[in-house]
């Protein structure tokens, strides 16, 4: 009933771009910080980017700074992750997750995140970067 749904993944050449969407169903995102995570085959899940619920504060992993951009429109109940200058090492399943806490209006967290630290997780969308 309450879920997040990612979309927009696909096969892209190195240097290409994609826009991933994360849409909430059954609840409003206006009080939730949103994190984007990814997991490649044989590797641990890593935080990619996040955005607070209202202040516009964002965080990015060092590996994607300057290439990825996170944005949101609470009126549309949707969060986006723009991926550009894609590299083969960006290949992974990308997940969005929603967290509400007392700090969520002004901060979001990416590092040392346990799965249960976020309240909702999407099913993921595959991004493959290959020539």
C-alpha atoms as a PDB file:
ATOM      1  CA  UNK A   1       0.000   0.000   0.000  1.00  0.00           C
ATOM      2  CA  UNK A   2       2.761   2.443   0.989  1.00  0.00           C
ATOM      3  CA  UNK A   3       5.660   2.243  -1.404  1.00  0.00           C
ATOM      4  CA  UNK A   4       8.339   3.982  -3.429  1.00  0.00           C
ATOM      5  CA  UNK A   5       8.702   3.200  -7.111  1.00  0.00           C
ATOM      6  CA  UNK A   6      11.872   3.936  -9.082  1.00  0.00           C
ATOM      7  CA  UNK A   7      11.926   4.307 -12.832  1.00  0.00           C
ATOM      8  CA  UNK A   8      14.164   5.596 -15.598  1.00  0.00           C
ATOM      9  CA  UNK A   9      16.972   3.077 -15.586  1.00  0.00           C
ATOM     10  CA  UNK A  10      18.378   1.552 -18.730  1.00  0.00           C
ATOM     11  CA  UNK A  11      21.411   0.922 -20.898  1.00  0.00           C
ATOM     12  CA  UNK A  12      23.591   3.950 -21.593  1.00  0.00           C
ATOM     13  CA  UNK A  13      26.959   4.472 -23.253  1.00  0.00           C
ATOM     14  CA  UNK A  14      29.850   5.881 -21.227  1.00  0.00           C
ATOM     15  CA  UNK A  15      29.505   9.645 -21.055  1.00  0.00           C
ATOM     16  CA  UNK A  16      25.745   9.449 -21.419  1.00  0.00           C
ATOM     17  CA  UNK A  17      22.973  10.598 -19.112  1.00  0.00           C
ATOM     18  CA  UNK A  18      19.877   9.273 -17.408  1.00  0.00           C
ATOM     19  CA  UNK A  19      17.216  10.666 -15.134  1.00  0.00           C
ATOM     20  CA  UNK A  20      15.873   8.398 -12.430  1.00  0.00           C
ATOM     21  CA  UNK A  21      12.550   9.058 -10.738  1.00  0.00           C
ATOM     22  CA  UNK A  22      11.328   8.061  -7.293  1.00  0.00           C
ATOM     23  CA  UNK A  23       7.588   8.402  -6.783  1.00  0.00           C
ATOM     24  CA  UNK A  24       5.698   7.811  -3.558  1.00  0.00           C
ATOM     25  CA  UNK A  25       2.444   5.906  -3.521  1.00  0.00           C
ATOM     26  CA  UNK A  26       0.093   5.956  -0.550  1.00  0.00           C
ATOM     27  CA  UNK A  27       1.904   8.628   1.457  1.00  0.00           C
ATOM     28  CA  UNK A  28       3.313  12.125   1.110  1.00  0.00           C
ATOM     29  CA  UNK A  29       7.055  12.762   0.832  1.00  0.00           C
ATOM     30  CA  UNK A  30       6.903  16.273   2.270  1.00  0.00           C
ATOM     31  CA  UNK A  31       8.280  15.219   5.667  1.00  0.00           C
ATOM     32  CA  UNK A  32      10.797  12.678   4.379  1.00  0.00           C
ATOM     33  CA  UNK A  33      14.420  13.047   3.477  1.00  0.00           C
ATOM     34  CA  UNK A  34      15.218  10.958   0.405  1.00  0.00           C
ATOM     35  CA  UNK A  35      18.366   8.959  -0.157  1.00  0.00           C
ATOM     36  CA  UNK A  36      19.626   7.314  -3.324  1.00  0.00           C
ATOM     37  CA  UNK A  37      21.689   4.155  -2.952  1.00  0.00           C
ATOM     38  CA  UNK A  38      23.178   1.705  -5.393  1.00  0.00           C
ATOM     39  CA  UNK A  39      24.461  -1.826  -5.337  1.00  0.00           C
ATOM     40  CA  UNK A  40      26.651  -3.409  -7.984  1.00  0.00           C
ATOM     41  CA  UNK A  41      27.099  -7.178  -8.353  1.00  0.00           C
ATOM     42  CA  UNK A  42      29.406  -8.519  -5.669  1.00  0.00           C
ATOM     43  CA  UNK A  43      29.683  -5.165  -3.894  1.00  0.00           C
ATOM     44  CA  UNK A  44      28.150  -3.605  -0.810  1.00  0.00           C
ATOM     45  CA  UNK A  45      25.358  -1.091  -1.023  1.00  0.00           C
ATOM     46  CA  UNK A  46      26.649   2.478  -1.100  1.00  0.00           C
ATOM     47  CA  UNK A  47      25.030   5.844  -0.610  1.00  0.00           C
ATOM     48  CA  UNK A  48      25.005   7.993  -3.741  1.00  0.00           C
ATOM     49  CA  UNK A  49      23.055  11.136  -2.915  1.00  0.00           C
ATOM     50  CA  UNK A  50      20.368  12.455  -0.607  1.00  0.00           C
ATOM     51  CA  UNK A  51      18.166  15.498  -0.128  1.00  0.00           C
ATOM     52  CA  UNK A  52      16.431  16.850   2.961  1.00  0.00           C
ATOM     53  CA  UNK A  53      12.675  17.151   3.060  1.00  0.00           C
ATOM     54  CA  UNK A  54      12.362  20.947   2.910  1.00  0.00           C
ATOM     55  CA  UNK A  55      15.623  22.937   3.242  1.00  0.00           C
ATOM     56  CA  UNK A  56      17.206  21.747  -0.007  1.00  0.00           C
ATOM     57  CA  UNK A  57      20.325  20.421   1.698  1.00  0.00           C
ATOM     58  CA  UNK A  58      22.002  17.711  -0.375  1.00  0.00           C
ATOM     59  CA  UNK A  59      24.853  15.244   0.010  1.00  0.00           C
ATOM     60  CA  UNK A  60      26.819  13.351  -2.629  1.00  0.00           C
ATOM     61  CA  UNK A  61      29.308  10.549  -2.577  1.00  0.00           C
ATOM     62  CA  UNK A  62      32.773  11.666  -3.676  1.00  0.00           C
ATOM     63  CA  UNK A  63      32.598   9.300  -6.629  1.00  0.00           C
ATOM     64  CA  UNK A  64      29.609  11.118  -8.155  1.00  0.00           C
ATOM     65  CA  UNK A  65      30.163  14.769  -7.185  1.00  0.00           C
ATOM     66  CA  UNK A  66      29.852  17.023 -10.188  1.00  0.00           C
ATOM     67  CA  UNK A  67      28.171  14.304 -12.235  1.00  0.00           C
ATOM     68  CA  UNK A  68      24.937  13.494 -10.374  1.00  0.00           C
ATOM     69  CA  UNK A  69      22.260  15.905  -9.164  1.00  0.00           C
ATOM     70  CA  UNK A  70      19.374  15.182  -6.815  1.00  0.00           C
ATOM     71  CA  UNK A  71      16.197  17.259  -6.822  1.00  0.00           C
ATOM     72  CA  UNK A  72      12.647  17.045  -5.569  1.00  0.00           C
ATOM     73  CA  UNK A  73       9.187  18.495  -6.020  1.00  0.00           C
ATOM     74  CA  UNK A  74       7.031  17.759  -3.020  1.00  0.00           C
ATOM     75  CA  UNK A  75       3.931  18.946  -4.869  1.00  0.00           C
ATOM     76  CA  UNK A  76       4.527  16.132  -7.361  1.00  0.00           C
ATOM     77  CA  UNK A  77       5.487  13.704  -4.596  1.00  0.00           C
ATOM     78  CA  UNK A  78       8.566  12.844  -6.635  1.00  0.00           C
ATOM     79  CA  UNK A  79      12.348  12.934  -6.310  1.00  0.00           C
ATOM     80  CA  UNK A  80      14.795  12.723  -9.225  1.00  0.00           C
ATOM     81  CA  UNK A  81      18.401  11.744  -9.607  1.00  0.00           C
ATOM     82  CA  UNK A  82      20.089  13.108 -12.729  1.00  0.00           C
ATOM     83  CA  UNK A  83      23.065  11.022 -13.780  1.00  0.00           C
ATOM     84  CA  UNK A  84      25.511  12.480 -16.288  1.00  0.00           C
ATOM     85  CA  UNK A  85      29.009  11.728 -17.547  1.00  0.00           C
ATOM     86  CA  UNK A  86      28.277   8.116 -16.753  1.00  0.00           C
ATOM     87  CA  UNK A  87      31.076   5.614 -16.298  1.00  0.00           C
ATOM     88  CA  UNK A  88      31.022   1.811 -16.446  1.00  0.00           C
ATOM     89  CA  UNK A  89      31.622   1.728 -12.695  1.00  0.00           C
ATOM     90  CA  UNK A  90      28.259   3.459 -12.219  1.00  0.00           C
ATOM     91  CA  UNK A  91      26.562   0.240 -13.312  1.00  0.00           C
ATOM     92  CA  UNK A  92      24.326  -0.920 -10.461  1.00  0.00           C
ATOM     93  CA  UNK A  93      20.789  -1.257  -9.235  1.00  0.00           C
ATOM     94  CA  UNK A  94      19.722   2.147  -7.915  1.00  0.00           C
ATOM     95  CA  UNK A  95      17.324   2.429  -4.990  1.00  0.00           C
ATOM     96  CA  UNK A  96      15.545   5.364  -3.434  1.00  0.00           C
ATOM     97  CA  UNK A  97      14.632   5.408   0.237  1.00  0.00           C
ATOM     98  CA  UNK A  98      12.614   7.718   2.484  1.00  0.00           C
ATOM     99  CA  UNK A  99      13.398   8.678   6.069  1.00  0.00           C
ATOM    100  CA  UNK A 100      11.543  10.878   8.511  1.00  0.00           C
ATOM    101  CA  UNK A 101      13.250  12.000  11.702  1.00  0.00           C
ATOM    102  CA  UNK A 102      13.528  15.218  13.695  1.00  0.00           C
ATOM    103  CA  UNK A 103      16.431  16.339  11.491  1.00  0.00           C
ATOM    104  CA  UNK A 104      14.904  15.378   8.143  1.00  0.00           C
ATOM    105  CA  UNK A 105      13.724  18.884   7.298  1.00  0.00           C
ATOM    106  CA  UNK A 106      17.287  20.213   7.205  1.00  0.00           C
ATOM    107  CA  UNK A 107      19.658  17.235   6.910  1.00  0.00           C
ATOM    108  CA  UNK A 108      19.987  13.903   5.214  1.00  0.00           C
ATOM    109  CA  UNK A 109      22.459  11.058   5.702  1.00  0.00           C
ATOM    110  CA  UNK A 110      24.330   8.819   3.293  1.00  0.00           C
ATOM    111  CA  UNK A 111      27.120   7.114   5.195  1.00  0.00           C
ATOM    112  CA  UNK A 112      26.907   4.192   7.597  1.00  0.00           C
ATOM    113  CA  UNK A 113      23.244   3.753   6.794  1.00  0.00           C
ATOM    114  CA  UNK A 114      21.616   0.534   7.823  1.00  0.00           C
ATOM    115  CA  UNK A 115      18.628  -0.559   5.817  1.00  0.00           C
ATOM    116  CA  UNK A 116      16.237  -0.042   8.711  1.00  0.00           C
ATOM    117  CA  UNK A 117      17.466   3.534   9.229  1.00  0.00           C
ATOM    118  CA  UNK A 118      15.242   4.503   6.311  1.00  0.00           C
ATOM    119  CA  UNK A 119      11.528   3.901   6.592  1.00  0.00           C
ATOM    120  CA  UNK A 120      10.701   2.943   2.990  1.00  0.00           C
ATOM    121  CA  UNK A 121      12.718   1.477   0.122  1.00  0.00           C
ATOM    122  CA  UNK A 122      11.890   1.088  -3.515  1.00  0.00           C
ATOM    123  CA  UNK A 123      12.477  -2.073  -5.519  1.00  0.00           C
ATOM    124  CA  UNK A 124      15.278  -0.557  -7.558  1.00  0.00           C
ATOM    125  CA  UNK A 125      15.981   0.244 -11.183  1.00  0.00           C
ATOM    126  CA  UNK A 126      18.891  -1.119 -13.206  1.00  0.00           C
ATOM    127  CA  UNK A 127      21.444   1.262 -14.679  1.00  0.00           C
ATOM    128  CA  UNK A 128      23.950  -0.276 -17.067  1.00  0.00           C
ATOM    129  CA  UNK A 129      26.774   1.793 -18.555  1.00  0.00           C
ATOM    130  CA  UNK A 130      28.478   0.004 -21.419  1.00  0.00           C
ATOM    131  CA  UNK A 131      29.818   0.758 -24.863  1.00  0.00           C
END
